[in-house]
PDB file of N, CA and C in Angstrom:
ATOM      1  N   MET A   1       5.770  -5.088  15.481  1.00  0.00           N
ATOM      2  CA  MET A   1       6.164  -3.700  15.589  1.00  0.00           C
ATOM      3  C   MET A   1       4.985  -2.827  16.016  1.00  0.00           C
ATOM      4  N   GLY A   2       3.792  -3.161  15.551  1.00  0.00           N
ATOM      5  CA  GLY A   2       2.628  -2.384  15.916  1.00  0.00           C
ATOM      6  C   GLY A   2       2.325  -2.450  17.400  1.00  0.00           C
ATOM      7  N   SER A   3       2.563  -3.619  18.003  1.00  0.00           N
ATOM      8  CA  SER A   3       2.281  -3.755  19.431  1.00  0.00           C
ATOM      9  C   SER A   3       3.231  -2.898  20.264  1.00  0.00           C
ATOM     10  N   ARG A   4       4.468  -2.789  19.839  1.00  0.00           N
ATOM     11  CA  ARG A   4       5.427  -1.944  20.553  1.00  0.00           C
ATOM     12  C   ARG A   4       5.028  -0.473  20.447  1.00  0.00           C
ATOM     13  N   ALA A   5       4.571  -0.074  19.277  1.00  0.00           N
ATOM     14  CA  ALA A   5       4.127   1.307  19.092  1.00  0.00           C
ATOM     15  C   ALA A   5       2.908   1.596  19.960  1.00  0.00           C
ATOM     16  N   ARG A   6       1.982   0.657  20.008  1.00  0.00           N
ATOM     17  CA  ARG A   6       0.802   0.846  20.862  1.00  0.00           C
ATOM     18  C   ARG A   6       1.209   0.935  22.328  1.00  0.00           C
ATOM     19  N   TYR A   7       2.140   0.084  22.753  1.00  0.00           N
ATOM     20  CA  TYR A   7       2.587   0.088  24.141  1.00  0.00           C
ATOM     21  C   TYR A   7       3.139   1.460  24.523  1.00  0.00           C
ATOM     22  N   HIS A   8       3.907   2.057  23.618  1.00  0.00           N
ATOM     23  CA  HIS A   8       4.512   3.362  23.889  1.00  0.00           C
ATOM     24  C   HIS A   8       3.624   4.513  23.416  1.00  0.00           C
ATOM     25  N   GLN A   9       2.430   4.182  22.958  1.00  0.00           N
ATOM     26  CA  GLN A   9       1.454   5.162  22.474  1.00  0.00           C
ATOM     27  C   GLN A   9       2.050   6.071  21.408  1.00  0.00           C
ATOM     28  N   ARG A  10       2.662   5.431  20.422  1.00  0.00           N
ATOM     29  CA  ARG A  10       3.276   6.143  19.303  1.00  0.00           C
ATOM     30  C   ARG A  10       2.751   5.571  17.997  1.00  0.00           C
ATOM     31  N   PRO A  11       2.730   6.371  16.929  1.00  0.00           N
ATOM     32  CA  PRO A  11       2.279   5.849  15.632  1.00  0.00           C
ATOM     33  C   PRO A  11       3.338   4.917  15.020  1.00  0.00           C
ATOM     34  N   VAL A  12       2.860   4.000  14.202  1.00  0.00           N
ATOM     35  CA  VAL A  12       3.767   3.130  13.464  1.00  0.00           C
ATOM     36  C   VAL A  12       4.254   3.892  12.234  1.00  0.00           C
ATOM     37  N   VAL A  13       5.552   3.903  12.026  1.00  0.00           N
ATOM     38  CA  VAL A  13       6.150   4.596  10.891  1.00  0.00           C
ATOM     39  C   VAL A  13       7.077   3.637  10.173  1.00  0.00           C
ATOM     40  N   ALA A  14       7.056   3.659   8.859  1.00  0.00           N
ATOM     41  CA  ALA A  14       7.943   2.802   8.066  1.00  0.00           C
ATOM     42  C   ALA A  14       8.885   3.678   7.250  1.00  0.00           C
ATOM     43  N   VAL A  15      10.096   3.229   7.106  1.00  0.00           N
ATOM     44  CA  VAL A  15      11.082   3.915   6.275  1.00  0.00           C
ATOM     45  C   VAL A  15      11.446   2.966   5.143  1.00  0.00           C
ATOM     46  N   PHE A  16      11.349   3.438   3.925  1.00  0.00           N
ATOM     47  CA  PHE A  16      11.619   2.615   2.751  1.00  0.00           C
ATOM     48  C   PHE A  16      12.831   3.167   2.033  1.00  0.00           C
ATOM     49  N   PHE A  17      13.851   2.330   1.887  1.00  0.00           N
ATOM     50  CA  PHE A  17      15.055   2.717   1.166  1.00  0.00           C
ATOM     51  C   PHE A  17      15.046   1.994  -0.173  1.00  0.00           C
ATOM     52  N   GLU A  18      15.061   2.742  -1.251  1.00  0.00           N
ATOM     53  CA  GLU A  18      15.101   2.140  -2.578  1.00  0.00           C
ATOM     54  C   GLU A  18      16.539   2.197  -3.083  1.00  0.00           C
ATOM     55  N   LEU A  19      17.189   1.062  -3.085  1.00  0.00           N
ATOM     56  CA  LEU A  19      18.570   0.970  -3.539  1.00  0.00           C
ATOM     57  C   LEU A  19      18.622   0.291  -4.891  1.00  0.00           C
ATOM     58  N   ARG A  20      19.592   0.681  -5.695  1.00  0.00           N
ATOM     59  CA  ARG A  20      19.784   0.016  -6.982  1.00  0.00           C
ATOM     60  C   ARG A  20      20.142  -1.442  -6.742  1.00  0.00           C
ATOM     61  N   LEU A  21      19.752  -2.290  -7.676  1.00  0.00           N
ATOM     62  CA  LEU A  21      19.990  -3.722  -7.554  1.00  0.00           C
ATOM     63  C   LEU A  21      21.473  -4.017  -7.379  1.00  0.00           C
ATOM     64  N   GLY A  22      22.327  -3.314  -8.103  1.00  0.00           N
ATOM     65  CA  GLY A  22      23.772  -3.544  -7.995  1.00  0.00           C
ATOM     66  C   GLY A  22      24.299  -3.294  -6.589  1.00  0.00           C
ATOM     67  N   ILE A  23      23.776  -2.290  -5.925  1.00  0.00           N
ATOM     68  CA  ILE A  23      24.193  -1.985  -4.557  1.00  0.00           C
ATOM     69  C   ILE A  23      23.739  -3.102  -3.617  1.00  0.00           C
ATOM     70  N   CYS A  24      22.502  -3.560  -3.782  1.00  0.00           N
ATOM     71  CA  CYS A  24      21.994  -4.651  -2.940  1.00  0.00           C
ATOM     72  C   CYS A  24      22.833  -5.906  -3.134  1.00  0.00           C
ATOM     73  N   GLN A  25      23.176  -6.208  -4.378  1.00  0.00           N
ATOM     74  CA  GLN A  25      23.963  -7.407  -4.652  1.00  0.00           C
ATOM     75  C   GLN A  25      25.376  -7.281  -4.091  1.00  0.00           C
ATOM     76  N   ALA A  26      25.972  -6.103  -4.189  1.00  0.00           N
ATOM     77  CA  ALA A  26      27.323  -5.899  -3.650  1.00  0.00           C
ATOM     78  C   ALA A  26      27.323  -6.045  -2.130  1.00  0.00           C
ATOM     79  N   CYS A  27      26.317  -5.489  -1.474  1.00  0.00           N
ATOM     80  CA  CYS A  27      26.224  -5.624  -0.019  1.00  0.00           C
ATOM     81  C   CYS A  27      26.012  -7.084   0.373  1.00  0.00           C
ATOM     82  N   GLY A  28      25.168  -7.768  -0.364  1.00  0.00           N
ATOM     83  CA  GLY A  28      24.904  -9.166  -0.073  1.00  0.00           C
ATOM     84  C   GLY A  28      26.135 -10.030  -0.270  1.00  0.00           C
ATOM     85  N   ALA A  29      26.970  -9.684  -1.247  1.00  0.00           N
ATOM     86  CA  ALA A  29      28.166 -10.482  -1.534  1.00  0.00           C
ATOM     87  C   ALA A  29      29.239 -10.309  -0.460  1.00  0.00           C
ATOM     88  N   THR A  30      29.225  -9.190   0.238  1.00  0.00           N
ATOM     89  CA  THR A  30      30.262  -8.939   1.244  1.00  0.00           C
ATOM     90  C   THR A  30      29.850  -9.411   2.636  1.00  0.00           C
ATOM     91  N   ARG A  31      28.604  -9.838   2.794  1.00  0.00           N
ATOM     92  CA  ARG A  31      28.164 -10.311   4.106  1.00  0.00           C
ATOM     93  C   ARG A  31      28.818 -11.645   4.437  1.00  0.00           C
ATOM     94  N   ALA A  32      29.216 -11.778   5.672  1.00  0.00           N
ATOM     95  CA  ALA A  32      29.781 -13.039   6.142  1.00  0.00           C
ATOM     96  C   ALA A  32      28.638 -13.904   6.647  1.00  0.00           C
ATOM     97  N   ARG A  33      27.961 -14.560   5.720  1.00  0.00           N
ATOM     98  CA  ARG A  33      26.816 -15.385   6.080  1.00  0.00           C
ATOM     99  C   ARG A  33      27.014 -16.787   5.545  1.00  0.00           C
ATOM    100  N   ALA A  34      26.452 -17.735   6.250  1.00  0.00           N
ATOM    101  CA  ALA A  34      26.534 -19.124   5.810  1.00  0.00           C
ATOM    102  C   ALA A  34      25.703 -19.352   4.547  1.00  0.00           C
ATOM    103  N   HIS A  35      24.578 -18.630   4.437  1.00  0.00           N
ATOM    104  CA  HIS A  35      23.673 -18.827   3.299  1.00  0.00           C
ATOM    105  C   HIS A  35      23.303 -17.473   2.686  1.00  0.00           C
ATOM    106  N   PRO A  36      24.162 -16.907   1.847  1.00  0.00           N
ATOM    107  CA  PRO A  36      23.839 -15.609   1.241  1.00  0.00           C
ATOM    108  C   PRO A  36      22.658 -15.736   0.271  1.00  0.00           C
ATOM    109  N   VAL A  37      21.980 -14.635   0.053  1.00  0.00           N
ATOM    110  CA  VAL A  37      20.851 -14.621  -0.877  1.00  0.00           C
ATOM    111  C   VAL A  37      21.404 -14.668  -2.299  1.00  0.00           C
ATOM    112  N   PRO A  38      20.981 -15.649  -3.107  1.00  0.00           N
ATOM    113  CA  PRO A  38      21.464 -15.730  -4.488  1.00  0.00           C
ATOM    114  C   PRO A  38      21.051 -14.500  -5.292  1.00  0.00           C
ATOM    115  N   GLN A  39      21.893 -14.089  -6.217  1.00  0.00           N
ATOM    116  CA  GLN A  39      21.618 -12.885  -6.995  1.00  0.00           C
ATOM    117  C   GLN A  39      20.348 -13.004  -7.819  1.00  0.00           C
ATOM    118  N   ASP A  40      20.029 -14.190  -8.322  1.00  0.00           N
ATOM    119  CA  ASP A  40      18.803 -14.326  -9.106  1.00  0.00           C
ATOM    120  C   ASP A  40      17.567 -14.130  -8.228  1.00  0.00           C
ATOM    121  N   VAL A  41      17.649 -14.509  -6.971  1.00  0.00           N
ATOM    122  CA  VAL A  41      16.535 -14.292  -6.041  1.00  0.00           C
ATOM    123  C   VAL A  41      16.396 -12.804  -5.751  1.00  0.00           C
ATOM    124  N   GLU A  42      17.514 -12.117  -5.519  1.00  0.00           N
ATOM    125  CA  GLU A  42      17.464 -10.664  -5.301  1.00  0.00           C
ATOM    126  C   GLU A  42      16.851  -9.963  -6.508  1.00  0.00           C
ATOM    127  N   ARG A  43      17.238 -10.383  -7.692  1.00  0.00           N
ATOM    128  CA  ARG A  43      16.732  -9.769  -8.914  1.00  0.00           C
ATOM    129  C   ARG A  43      15.219 -10.004  -9.038  1.00  0.00           C
ATOM    130  N   GLU A  44      14.771 -11.221  -8.751  1.00  0.00           N
ATOM    131  CA  GLU A  44      13.350 -11.544  -8.852  1.00  0.00           C
ATOM    132  C   GLU A  44      12.532 -10.750  -7.835  1.00  0.00           C
ATOM    133  N   LEU A  45      13.021 -10.662  -6.601  1.00  0.00           N
ATOM    134  CA  LEU A  45      12.312  -9.883  -5.578  1.00  0.00           C
ATOM    135  C   LEU A  45      12.250  -8.414  -5.953  1.00  0.00           C
ATOM    136  N   ARG A  46      13.324  -7.921  -6.542  1.00  0.00           N
ATOM    137  CA  ARG A  46      13.368  -6.517  -6.954  1.00  0.00           C
ATOM    138  C   ARG A  46      12.309  -6.233  -8.012  1.00  0.00           C
ATOM    139  N   GLN A  47      12.130  -7.168  -8.935  1.00  0.00           N
ATOM    140  CA  GLN A  47      11.132  -6.986  -9.993  1.00  0.00           C
ATOM    141  C   GLN A  47       9.712  -7.047  -9.438  1.00  0.00           C
ATOM    142  N   MET A  48       9.523  -7.806  -8.383  1.00  0.00           N
ATOM    143  CA  MET A  48       8.198  -7.945  -7.776  1.00  0.00           C
ATOM    144  C   MET A  48       7.821  -6.726  -6.946  1.00  0.00           C
ATOM    145  N   THR A  49       8.789  -5.965  -6.499  1.00  0.00           N
ATOM    146  CA  THR A  49       8.547  -4.835  -5.619  1.00  0.00           C
ATOM    147  C   THR A  49       8.222  -3.592  -6.436  1.00  0.00           C
ATOM    148  N   SER A  50       7.061  -3.039  -6.221  1.00  0.00           N
ATOM    149  CA  SER A  50       6.662  -1.810  -6.889  1.00  0.00           C
ATOM    150  C   SER A  50       6.757  -0.659  -5.898  1.00  0.00           C
ATOM    151  N   THR A  51       7.597   0.294  -6.202  1.00  0.00           N
ATOM    152  CA  THR A  51       7.775   1.440  -5.319  1.00  0.00           C
ATOM    153  C   THR A  51       6.465   2.193  -5.129  1.00  0.00           C
ATOM    154  N   ASP A  52       5.698   2.355  -6.189  1.00  0.00           N
ATOM    155  CA  ASP A  52       4.433   3.087  -6.086  1.00  0.00           C
ATOM    156  C   ASP A  52       3.488   2.407  -5.096  1.00  0.00           C
ATOM    157  N   GLU A  53       3.423   1.080  -5.144  1.00  0.00           N
ATOM    158  CA  GLU A  53       2.541   0.364  -4.227  1.00  0.00           C
ATOM    159  C   GLU A  53       3.030   0.488  -2.786  1.00  0.00           C
ATOM    160  N   LEU A  54       4.337   0.421  -2.588  1.00  0.00           N
ATOM    161  CA  LEU A  54       4.891   0.497  -1.235  1.00  0.00           C
ATOM    162  C   LEU A  54       4.708   1.866  -0.606  1.00  0.00           C
ATOM    163  N   LEU A  55       4.737   2.900  -1.415  1.00  0.00           N
ATOM    164  CA  LEU A  55       4.649   4.261  -0.896  1.00  0.00           C
ATOM    165  C   LEU A  55       3.240   4.817  -0.885  1.00  0.00           C
ATOM    166  N   ALA A  56       2.271   4.082  -1.408  1.00  0.00           N
ATOM    167  CA  ALA A  56       0.900   4.563  -1.441  1.00  0.00           C
ATOM    168  C   ALA A  56       0.322   4.621  -0.026  1.00  0.00           C
ATOM    169  N   PRO A  57      -0.422   5.672   0.287  1.00  0.00           N
ATOM    170  CA  PRO A  57      -1.046   5.761   1.612  1.00  0.00           C
ATOM    171  C   PRO A  57      -2.035   4.616   1.807  1.00  0.00           C
ATOM    172  N   ARG A  58      -2.085   4.114   3.015  1.00  0.00           N
ATOM    173  CA  ARG A  58      -3.015   3.036   3.337  1.00  0.00           C
ATOM    174  C   ARG A  58      -4.061   3.548   4.306  1.00  0.00           C
ATOM    175  N   ASP A  59      -5.269   3.070   4.125  1.00  0.00           N
ATOM    176  CA  ASP A  59      -6.360   3.485   5.028  1.00  0.00           C
ATOM    177  C   ASP A  59      -6.478   2.571   6.196  1.00  0.00           C
TER     178      ASP A  59
END
């Protein structure tokens, strides 16, 4: 993504959506996929993700 931004001479911007675990699981359950993400994996990833760390400015 950074290379595309450099090519177009634009800054890299990220958008972070914090959804409740129940919403993520409901969306995952309705996807027509051969290998859906198991709910225990979604729960574990959610616990590992710290909103404060993701939103902190980076130098």
